Amino acid sequence: MLRKELLDSLKHKYGGSISEVQNYCSQALQELDKLENAEEILALKHKEKNEMLSHAQTKFDILSKIRKQHALELEKNIEEGLKELGIEKAKFKVNFIKLANSIFDVNQYSINCLEDVEFLFSANMGEELKPLSKIISGGEMNRFMLIFKNILAQNNGSQTLIFDEVDSGISGQIAVSVANKIAKLSKKYQILCITHLPQVAAMGDNFYFVFKSQIDGRTQTFIKQLSEDEIIKEISILTYGSVDSKKLELTSELIKNNYIYKSSLE
């Protein structure tokens, strides 16, 4: 009778069956073993942690070396691209900022591990390199992004590049250089370009006009594909602000010359 009462008490306290009581006992013994051998287990975990961090340090050293090799290539390509777009004396540098001396300093490093990256820029000869985000002008930034997007597309396999007002803040010959650069890119990528510059707009292959209209007291946005005559008219308005026969003739000539230029590209 005492044995049955004991078993009933154990089942009531630790489970509804003998097997559940046995499972609880097994888990309790495991916990007890951990407590009795806590120092040895902790020492083993520290060893495993240090081995993992040492392995991570080796991998990070390799990653850092690769990053710095590609940074030199990026610097060269950015400077050459900016030179093509009229910033002749531009200097660009990828600056690596050390966050921690060792991978063991786990409270110091970020998602980028032991170093962070900052872009440094100078647009003119003799000027000190400074953080790009603080000193670059709007026009310079647009040209920088044109070059930067091109480099990214070459490496990530993108088939479409989108330029939204990438030509704002520029005009004249620089605008022509930007248009030529976009035309070259269009030989490899699909380009979607939003622009208000006639030099850039006239370089397009397909033209869409975005406009707003009021319907039933509400403003709505529409997009329309332009015909050949409409293309000449809209680019003429971009260029001269109005339309007449002479302006249409000059705009038509601009589009024709751009077509010849695009046809010459490989």
C-alpha atoms as a PDB file:
ATOM      1  CA  MET A   1       0.000   0.000   0.000  1.00  0.00           C
ATOM      2  CA  LEU A   2       2.823   2.402   0.868  1.00  0.00           C
ATOM      3  CA  ARG A   3       4.530   1.699  -2.480  1.00  0.00           C
ATOM      4  CA  LYS A   4       1.338   2.429  -4.422  1.00  0.00           C
ATOM      5  CA  GLU A   5       0.780   5.664  -2.470  1.00  0.00           C
ATOM      6  CA  LEU A   6       4.378   6.724  -3.226  1.00  0.00           C
ATOM      7  CA  LEU A   7       3.990   6.040  -6.937  1.00  0.00           C
ATOM      8  CA  ASP A   8       0.656   7.881  -7.030  1.00  0.00           C
ATOM      9  CA  SER A   9       2.260  10.823  -5.261  1.00  0.00           C
ATOM     10  CA  LEU A  10       5.164  10.902  -7.720  1.00  0.00           C
ATOM     11  CA  LYS A  11       2.839  10.698 -10.707  1.00  0.00           C
ATOM     12  CA  HIS A  12       0.679  13.470  -9.259  1.00  0.00           C
ATOM     13  CA  LYS A  13       3.702  15.710  -8.718  1.00  0.00           C
ATOM     14  CA  TYR A  14       5.918  14.925 -11.725  1.00  0.00           C
ATOM     15  CA  GLY A  15       3.612  13.512 -14.409  1.00  0.00           C
ATOM     16  CA  GLY A  16       0.622  11.366 -15.104  1.00  0.00           C
ATOM     17  CA  SER A  17       2.543   8.149 -15.689  1.00  0.00           C
ATOM     18  CA  ILE A  18       5.608   6.216 -14.551  1.00  0.00           C
ATOM     19  CA  SER A  19       7.398   7.005 -17.842  1.00  0.00           C
ATOM     20  CA  GLU A  20       6.876  10.745 -17.331  1.00  0.00           C
ATOM     21  CA  VAL A  21       8.221  10.475 -13.789  1.00  0.00           C
ATOM     22  CA  GLN A  22      11.283   8.647 -15.162  1.00  0.00           C
ATOM     23  CA  ASN A  23      11.803  11.361 -17.804  1.00  0.00           C
ATOM     24  CA  TYR A  24      11.640  14.032 -15.129  1.00  0.00           C
ATOM     25  CA  CYS A  25      14.157  12.101 -13.041  1.00  0.00           C
ATOM     26  CA  SER A  26      16.509  11.796 -15.999  1.00  0.00           C
ATOM     27  CA  GLN A  27      16.342  15.537 -16.727  1.00  0.00           C
ATOM     28  CA  ALA A  28      16.888  16.350 -13.047  1.00  0.00           C
ATOM     29  CA  LEU A  29      19.997  14.153 -12.962  1.00  0.00           C
ATOM     30  CA  GLN A  30      21.368  15.939 -16.032  1.00  0.00           C
ATOM     31  CA  GLU A  31      20.793  19.331 -14.413  1.00  0.00           C
ATOM     32  CA  LEU A  32      22.455  18.124 -11.251  1.00  0.00           C
ATOM     33  CA  ASP A  33      25.459  16.933 -13.223  1.00  0.00           C
ATOM     34  CA  LYS A  34      25.759  20.354 -14.860  1.00  0.00           C
ATOM     35  CA  LEU A  35      25.660  22.082 -11.501  1.00  0.00           C
ATOM     36  CA  GLU A  36      28.212  19.742  -9.952  1.00  0.00           C
ATOM     37  CA  ASN A  37      30.557  20.148 -12.948  1.00  0.00           C
ATOM     38  CA  ALA A  38      29.792  23.798 -13.738  1.00  0.00           C
ATOM     39  CA  GLU A  39      33.419  24.969 -13.593  1.00  0.00           C
ATOM     40  CA  GLU A  40      34.638  22.288 -15.981  1.00  0.00           C
ATOM     41  CA  ILE A  41      31.734  22.923 -18.378  1.00  0.00           C
ATOM     42  CA  LEU A  42      32.324  26.696 -18.246  1.00  0.00           C
ATOM     43  CA  ALA A  43      36.031  26.230 -18.972  1.00  0.00           C
ATOM     44  CA  LEU A  44      35.155  24.027 -21.965  1.00  0.00           C
ATOM     45  CA  LYS A  45      32.707  26.644 -23.286  1.00  0.00           C
ATOM     46  CA  HIS A  46      35.347  29.374 -22.950  1.00  0.00           C
ATOM     47  CA  LYS A  47      37.774  27.210 -24.895  1.00  0.00           C
ATOM     48  CA  GLU A  48      35.208  26.601 -27.637  1.00  0.00           C
ATOM     49  CA  LYS A  49      34.421  30.330 -27.756  1.00  0.00           C
ATOM     50  CA  ASN A  50      38.094  31.280 -28.103  1.00  0.00           C
ATOM     51  CA  GLU A  51      38.590  28.690 -30.842  1.00  0.00           C
ATOM     52  CA  MET A  52      35.608  30.087 -32.747  1.00  0.00           C
ATOM     53  CA  LEU A  53      36.837  33.667 -32.343  1.00  0.00           C
ATOM     54  CA  SER A  54      40.328  32.678 -33.486  1.00  0.00           C
ATOM     55  CA  HIS A  55      38.779  31.101 -36.579  1.00  0.00           C
ATOM     56  CA  ALA A  56      36.693  34.263 -37.112  1.00  0.00           C
ATOM     57  CA  GLN A  57      39.838  36.405 -36.787  1.00  0.00           C
ATOM     58  CA  THR A  58      41.516  34.413 -39.553  1.00  0.00           C
ATOM     59  CA  LYS A  59      38.484  34.784 -41.809  1.00  0.00           C
ATOM     60  CA  PHE A  60      38.207  38.486 -41.062  1.00  0.00           C
ATOM     61  CA  ASP A  61      41.863  39.096 -41.912  1.00  0.00           C
ATOM     62  CA  ILE A  62      41.215  37.482 -45.291  1.00  0.00           C
ATOM     63  CA  LEU A  63      38.020  39.535 -45.777  1.00  0.00           C
ATOM     64  CA  SER A  64      39.779  42.777 -44.833  1.00  0.00           C
ATOM     65  CA  LYS A  65      42.550  42.100 -47.341  1.00  0.00           C
ATOM     66  CA  ILE A  66      39.998  41.442 -50.117  1.00  0.00           C
ATOM     67  CA  ARG A  67      38.061  44.601 -49.194  1.00  0.00           C
ATOM     68  CA  LYS A  68      41.166  46.751 -49.419  1.00  0.00           C
ATOM     69  CA  GLN A  69      42.181  45.262 -52.763  1.00  0.00           C
ATOM     70  CA  HIS A  70      38.744  46.016 -54.229  1.00  0.00           C
ATOM     71  CA  ALA A  71      38.793  49.475 -52.615  1.00  0.00           C
ATOM     72  CA  LEU A  72      41.857  50.404 -54.680  1.00  0.00           C
ATOM     73  CA  GLU A  73      40.062  49.298 -57.838  1.00  0.00           C
ATOM     74  CA  LEU A  74      36.934  51.237 -56.837  1.00  0.00           C
ATOM     75  CA  GLU A  75      38.967  54.399 -56.176  1.00  0.00           C
ATOM     76  CA  LYS A  76      40.579  54.174 -59.618  1.00  0.00           C
ATOM     77  CA  ASN A  77      37.274  53.569 -61.428  1.00  0.00           C
ATOM     78  CA  ILE A  78      35.447  56.357 -59.593  1.00  0.00           C
ATOM     79  CA  GLU A  79      38.184  58.910 -60.343  1.00  0.00           C
ATOM     80  CA  GLU A  80      38.366  57.921 -64.012  1.00  0.00           C
ATOM     81  CA  GLY A  81      34.579  58.094 -64.331  1.00  0.00           C
ATOM     82  CA  LEU A  82      34.358  61.505 -62.682  1.00  0.00           C
ATOM     83  CA  LYS A  83      37.075  62.777 -64.995  1.00  0.00           C
ATOM     84  CA  GLU A  84      34.933  61.726 -67.969  1.00  0.00           C
ATOM     85  CA  LEU A  85      32.067  63.767 -66.498  1.00  0.00           C
ATOM     86  CA  GLY A  86      34.028  66.967 -66.017  1.00  0.00           C
ATOM     87  CA  ILE A  87      35.450  66.668 -62.495  1.00  0.00           C
ATOM     88  CA  GLU A  88      39.005  66.524 -63.777  1.00  0.00           C
ATOM     89  CA  LYS A  89      40.877  66.771 -60.461  1.00  0.00           C
ATOM     90  CA  ALA A  90      38.565  64.631 -58.343  1.00  0.00           C
ATOM     91  CA  LYS A  91      40.145  62.464 -55.672  1.00  0.00           C
ATOM     92  CA  PHE A  92      38.262  59.592 -54.071  1.00  0.00           C
ATOM     93  CA  LYS A  93      39.414  57.293 -51.294  1.00  0.00           C
ATOM     94  CA  VAL A  94      37.857  54.443 -49.341  1.00  0.00           C
ATOM     95  CA  ASN A  95      38.932  54.963 -45.732  1.00  0.00           C
ATOM     96  CA  PHE A  96      38.904  51.949 -43.409  1.00  0.00           C
ATOM     97  CA  ILE A  97      38.253  52.880 -39.776  1.00  0.00           C
ATOM     98  CA  LYS A  98      39.534  50.393 -37.211  1.00  0.00           C
ATOM     99  CA  LEU A  99      36.897  49.626 -34.570  1.00  0.00           C
ATOM    100  CA  ALA A 100      38.765  47.062 -32.482  1.00  0.00           C
ATOM    101  CA  ASN A 101      42.248  45.611 -32.259  1.00  0.00           C
ATOM    102  CA  SER A 102      41.059  42.033 -32.031  1.00  0.00           C
ATOM    103  CA  ILE A 103      38.013  39.919 -32.746  1.00  0.00           C
ATOM    104  CA  PHE A 104      38.074  39.125 -29.009  1.00  0.00           C
ATOM    105  CA  ASP A 105      36.933  42.709 -28.311  1.00  0.00           C
ATOM    106  CA  VAL A 106      33.362  41.589 -28.913  1.00  0.00           C
ATOM    107  CA  ASN A 107      31.795  44.754 -27.467  1.00  0.00           C
ATOM    108  CA  GLN A 108      33.552  47.078 -29.932  1.00  0.00           C
ATOM    109  CA  TYR A 109      33.042  45.801 -33.449  1.00  0.00           C
ATOM    110  CA  SER A 110      29.983  46.267 -35.626  1.00  0.00           C
ATOM    111  CA  ILE A 111      28.219  44.241 -38.305  1.00  0.00           C
ATOM    112  CA  ASN A 112      31.279  45.014 -40.487  1.00  0.00           C
ATOM    113  CA  CYS A 113      33.520  43.278 -37.929  1.00  0.00           C
ATOM    114  CA  LEU A 114      36.640  45.117 -36.844  1.00  0.00           C
ATOM    115  CA  GLU A 115      36.447  48.002 -39.301  1.00  0.00           C
ATOM    116  CA  ASP A 116      33.989  50.422 -40.796  1.00  0.00           C
ATOM    117  CA  VAL A 117      34.156  52.215 -44.139  1.00  0.00           C
ATOM    118  CA  GLU A 118      33.995  55.910 -44.979  1.00  0.00           C
ATOM    119  CA  PHE A 119      34.161  57.524 -48.437  1.00  0.00           C
ATOM    120  CA  LEU A 120      36.506  60.522 -48.693  1.00  0.00           C
ATOM    121  CA  PHE A 121      36.272  63.014 -51.561  1.00  0.00           C
ATOM    122  CA  SER A 122      37.922  66.116 -52.988  1.00  0.00           C
ATOM    123  CA  ALA A 123      36.642  67.810 -56.135  1.00  0.00           C
ATOM    124  CA  ASN A 124      39.518  70.235 -56.711  1.00  0.00           C
ATOM    125  CA  MET A 125      43.309  70.052 -56.776  1.00  0.00           C
ATOM    126  CA  GLY A 126      44.902  71.039 -53.496  1.00  0.00           C
ATOM    127  CA  GLU A 127      41.797  70.417 -51.418  1.00  0.00           C
ATOM    128  CA  GLU A 128      42.015  68.027 -48.496  1.00  0.00           C
ATOM    129  CA  LEU A 129      40.101  64.763 -48.703  1.00  0.00           C
ATOM    130  CA  LYS A 130      37.016  65.003 -46.486  1.00  0.00           C
ATOM    131  CA  PRO A 131      33.944  62.807 -45.838  1.00  0.00           C
ATOM    132  CA  LEU A 132      32.006  62.661 -49.108  1.00  0.00           C
ATOM    133  CA  SER A 133      28.632  62.910 -47.357  1.00  0.00           C
ATOM    134  CA  LYS A 134      29.563  66.297 -45.867  1.00  0.00           C
ATOM    135  CA  ILE A 135      31.238  68.176 -48.720  1.00  0.00           C
ATOM    136  CA  ILE A 136      30.009  66.887 -52.085  1.00  0.00           C
ATOM    137  CA  SER A 137      27.656  69.214 -53.987  1.00  0.00           C
ATOM    138  CA  GLY A 138      24.378  68.157 -55.565  1.00  0.00           C
ATOM    139  CA  GLY A 139      25.760  68.164 -59.095  1.00  0.00           C
ATOM    140  CA  GLU A 140      28.885  66.282 -58.025  1.00  0.00           C
ATOM    141  CA  MET A 141      26.816  63.727 -56.132  1.00  0.00           C
ATOM    142  CA  ASN A 142      24.631  63.051 -59.162  1.00  0.00           C
ATOM    143  CA  ARG A 143      27.663  62.385 -61.314  1.00  0.00           C
ATOM    144  CA  PHE A 144      29.215  60.278 -58.565  1.00  0.00           C
ATOM    145  CA  MET A 145      26.051  58.150 -58.338  1.00  0.00           C
ATOM    146  CA  LEU A 146      25.998  57.709 -62.118  1.00  0.00           C
ATOM    147  CA  ILE A 147      29.498  56.219 -61.974  1.00  0.00           C
ATOM    148  CA  PHE A 148      28.853  54.292 -58.768  1.00  0.00           C
ATOM    149  CA  LYS A 149      25.659  52.662 -60.072  1.00  0.00           C
ATOM    150  CA  ASN A 150      27.490  51.597 -63.204  1.00  0.00           C
ATOM    151  CA  ILE A 151      30.202  49.905 -61.120  1.00  0.00           C
ATOM    152  CA  LEU A 152      27.615  48.171 -58.931  1.00  0.00           C
ATOM    153  CA  ALA A 153      25.717  46.919 -61.971  1.00  0.00           C
ATOM    154  CA  GLN A 154      28.889  45.337 -63.355  1.00  0.00           C
ATOM    155  CA  ASN A 155      29.355  43.374 -60.138  1.00  0.00           C
ATOM    156  CA  ASN A 156      25.857  42.395 -59.054  1.00  0.00           C
ATOM    157  CA  GLY A 157      24.474  41.376 -62.438  1.00  0.00           C
ATOM    158  CA  SER A 158      21.734  43.992 -62.539  1.00  0.00           C
ATOM    159  CA  GLN A 159      20.097  44.411 -65.946  1.00  0.00           C
ATOM    160  CA  THR A 160      18.291  47.696 -65.244  1.00  0.00           C
ATOM    161  CA  LEU A 161      19.652  51.035 -64.023  1.00  0.00           C
ATOM    162  CA  ILE A 162      17.335  53.800 -62.829  1.00  0.00           C
ATOM    163  CA  PHE A 163      18.516  57.425 -62.853  1.00  0.00           C
ATOM    164  CA  ASP A 164      16.129  59.865 -61.198  1.00  0.00           C
ATOM    165  CA  GLU A 165      17.261  63.440 -61.902  1.00  0.00           C
ATOM    166  CA  VAL A 166      20.878  62.226 -61.962  1.00  0.00           C
ATOM    167  CA  ASP A 167      21.667  65.249 -64.125  1.00  0.00           C
ATOM    168  CA  SER A 168      20.298  67.962 -61.804  1.00  0.00           C
ATOM    169  CA  GLY A 169      22.738  70.736 -60.977  1.00  0.00           C
ATOM    170  CA  ILE A 170      24.644  70.454 -64.264  1.00  0.00           C
ATOM    171  CA  SER A 171      24.389  72.006 -67.730  1.00  0.00           C
ATOM    172  CA  GLY A 172      26.300  72.706 -70.942  1.00  0.00           C
ATOM    173  CA  GLN A 173      29.125  70.377 -71.920  1.00  0.00           C
ATOM    174  CA  ILE A 174      28.878  68.434 -68.658  1.00  0.00           C
ATOM    175  CA  ALA A 175      25.256  67.622 -69.500  1.00  0.00           C
ATOM    176  CA  VAL A 176      26.423  66.317 -72.888  1.00  0.00           C
ATOM    177  CA  SER A 177      29.076  64.173 -71.143  1.00  0.00           C
ATOM    178  CA  VAL A 178      26.443  62.731 -68.798  1.00  0.00           C
ATOM    179  CA  ALA A 179      24.135  62.004 -71.751  1.00  0.00           C
ATOM    180  CA  ASN A 180      26.977  60.247 -73.570  1.00  0.00           C
ATOM    181  CA  LYS A 181      27.806  58.192 -70.471  1.00  0.00           C
ATOM    182  CA  ILE A 182      24.183  57.079 -70.098  1.00  0.00           C
ATOM    183  CA  ALA A 183      24.075  56.203 -73.804  1.00  0.00           C
ATOM    184  CA  LYS A 184      27.150  53.977 -73.384  1.00  0.00           C
ATOM    185  CA  LEU A 185      25.555  52.254 -70.410  1.00  0.00           C
ATOM    186  CA  SER A 186      22.402  51.619 -72.432  1.00  0.00           C
ATOM    187  CA  LYS A 187      24.375  49.266 -74.674  1.00  0.00           C
ATOM    188  CA  LYS A 188      24.691  46.862 -71.726  1.00  0.00           C
ATOM    189  CA  TYR A 189      21.746  47.748 -69.486  1.00  0.00           C
ATOM    190  CA  GLN A 190      18.162  48.827 -69.702  1.00  0.00           C
ATOM    191  CA  ILE A 191      18.140  52.482 -68.595  1.00  0.00           C
ATOM    192  CA  LEU A 192      15.170  54.266 -67.050  1.00  0.00           C
ATOM    193  CA  CYS A 193      16.065  57.954 -66.862  1.00  0.00           C
ATOM    194  CA  ILE A 194      13.938  60.777 -65.457  1.00  0.00           C
ATOM    195  CA  THR A 195      15.323  64.097 -66.657  1.00  0.00           C
ATOM    196  CA  HIS A 196      14.591  67.756 -67.388  1.00  0.00           C
ATOM    197  CA  LEU A 197      17.772  68.319 -69.408  1.00  0.00           C
ATOM    198  CA  PRO A 198      17.306  68.384 -73.197  1.00  0.00           C
ATOM    199  CA  GLN A 199      20.818  67.035 -73.801  1.00  0.00           C
ATOM    200  CA  VAL A 200      19.980  63.917 -71.793  1.00  0.00           C
ATOM    201  CA  ALA A 201      16.361  63.581 -72.904  1.00  0.00           C
ATOM    202  CA  ALA A 202      17.335  63.751 -76.570  1.00  0.00           C
ATOM    203  CA  MET A 203      19.585  60.721 -76.101  1.00  0.00           C
ATOM    204  CA  GLY A 204      16.661  58.410 -75.325  1.00  0.00           C
ATOM    205  CA  ASP A 205      15.250  55.611 -77.444  1.00  0.00           C
ATOM    206  CA  ASN A 206      11.722  55.532 -76.034  1.00  0.00           C
ATOM    207  CA  PHE A 207      10.054  58.593 -74.553  1.00  0.00           C
ATOM    208  CA  TYR A 208       7.366  58.896 -71.909  1.00  0.00           C
ATOM    209  CA  PHE A 209       5.881  62.171 -70.744  1.00  0.00           C
ATOM    210  CA  VAL A 210       4.679  62.357 -67.124  1.00  0.00           C
ATOM    211  CA  PHE A 211       2.057  64.982 -66.394  1.00  0.00           C
ATOM    212  CA  LYS A 212      -0.698  65.864 -63.939  1.00  0.00           C
ATOM    213  CA  SER A 213      -4.311  66.669 -64.673  1.00  0.00           C
ATOM    214  CA  GLN A 214      -7.380  67.500 -62.609  1.00  0.00           C
ATOM    215  CA  ILE A 215     -10.317  65.118 -62.951  1.00  0.00           C
ATOM    216  CA  ASP A 216     -13.475  65.489 -60.876  1.00  0.00           C
ATOM    217  CA  GLY A 217     -11.754  67.934 -58.561  1.00  0.00           C
ATOM    218  CA  ARG A 218      -8.751  65.697 -57.905  1.00  0.00           C
ATOM    219  CA  THR A 219      -5.199  65.861 -59.254  1.00  0.00           C
ATOM    220  CA  GLN A 220      -4.039  62.684 -60.925  1.00  0.00           C
ATOM    221  CA  THR A 221      -0.703  61.731 -62.479  1.00  0.00           C
ATOM    222  CA  PHE A 222      -0.518  60.237 -65.962  1.00  0.00           C
ATOM    223  CA  ILE A 223       2.188  58.864 -68.235  1.00  0.00           C
ATOM    224  CA  LYS A 224       2.041  58.925 -72.009  1.00  0.00           C
ATOM    225  CA  GLN A 225       4.328  57.424 -74.628  1.00  0.00           C
ATOM    226  CA  LEU A 226       5.283  60.112 -77.123  1.00  0.00           C
ATOM    227  CA  SER A 227       5.173  59.918 -80.892  1.00  0.00           C
ATOM    228  CA  GLU A 228       8.088  61.162 -83.003  1.00  0.00           C
ATOM    229  CA  ASP A 229       6.523  64.605 -83.491  1.00  0.00           C
ATOM    230  CA  GLU A 230       5.626  64.848 -79.800  1.00  0.00           C
ATOM    231  CA  ILE A 231       9.197  63.957 -78.825  1.00  0.00           C
ATOM    232  CA  ILE A 232      10.598  66.833 -80.888  1.00  0.00           C
ATOM    233  CA  LYS A 233       7.977  69.218 -79.481  1.00  0.00           C
ATOM    234  CA  GLU A 234       8.582  68.328 -75.804  1.00  0.00           C
ATOM    235  CA  ILE A 235      12.375  68.457 -76.082  1.00  0.00           C
ATOM    236  CA  SER A 236      12.059  71.797 -77.870  1.00  0.00           C
ATOM    237  CA  ILE A 237      10.030  73.091 -74.912  1.00  0.00           C
ATOM    238  CA  LEU A 238      12.677  71.762 -72.513  1.00  0.00           C
ATOM    239  CA  THR A 239      15.364  73.579 -74.488  1.00  0.00           C
ATOM    240  CA  TYR A 240      13.742  76.873 -75.429  1.00  0.00           C
ATOM    241  CA  GLY A 241      10.585  77.100 -73.343  1.00  0.00           C
ATOM    242  CA  SER A 242       8.429  77.406 -76.459  1.00  0.00           C
ATOM    243  CA  VAL A 243       7.960  76.005 -79.962  1.00  0.00           C
ATOM    244  CA  ASP A 244       8.340  77.407 -83.468  1.00  0.00           C
ATOM    245  CA  SER A 245       9.559  76.016 -86.772  1.00  0.00           C
ATOM    246  CA  LYS A 246      13.196  77.002 -86.201  1.00  0.00           C
ATOM    247  CA  LYS A 247      13.287  75.557 -82.693  1.00  0.00           C
ATOM    248  CA  LEU A 248      11.716  72.324 -83.877  1.00  0.00           C
ATOM    249  CA  GLU A 249      14.306  72.119 -86.655  1.00  0.00           C
ATOM    250  CA  LEU A 250      17.193  72.569 -84.204  1.00  0.00           C
ATOM    251  CA  THR A 251      15.715  70.012 -81.799  1.00  0.00           C
ATOM    252  CA  SER A 252      15.264  67.532 -84.623  1.00  0.00           C
ATOM    253  CA  GLU A 253      18.921  68.053 -85.546  1.00  0.00           C
ATOM    254  CA  LEU A 254      19.970  67.403 -81.921  1.00  0.00           C
ATOM    255  CA  ILE A 255      18.039  64.126 -81.830  1.00  0.00           C
ATOM    256  CA  LYS A 256      19.490  63.103 -85.191  1.00  0.00           C
ATOM    257  CA  ASN A 257      23.061  63.787 -84.038  1.00  0.00           C
ATOM    258  CA  ASN A 258      22.459  61.788 -80.862  1.00  0.00           C
ATOM    259  CA  TYR A 259      21.126  58.895 -82.937  1.00  0.00           C
ATOM    260  CA  ILE A 260      24.329  58.955 -85.003  1.00  0.00           C
ATOM    261  CA  TYR A 261      26.398  58.960 -81.804  1.00  0.00           C
ATOM    262  CA  LYS A 262      24.482  55.995 -80.346  1.00  0.00           C
ATOM    263  CA  SER A 263      24.844  54.066 -83.582  1.00  0.00           C
ATOM    264  CA  SER A 264      28.623  54.505 -83.384  1.00  0.00           C
ATOM    265  CA  LEU A 265      28.823  52.855 -79.959  1.00  0.00           C
ATOM    266  CA  GLU A 266      29.832  49.214 -79.795  1.00  0.00           C
END
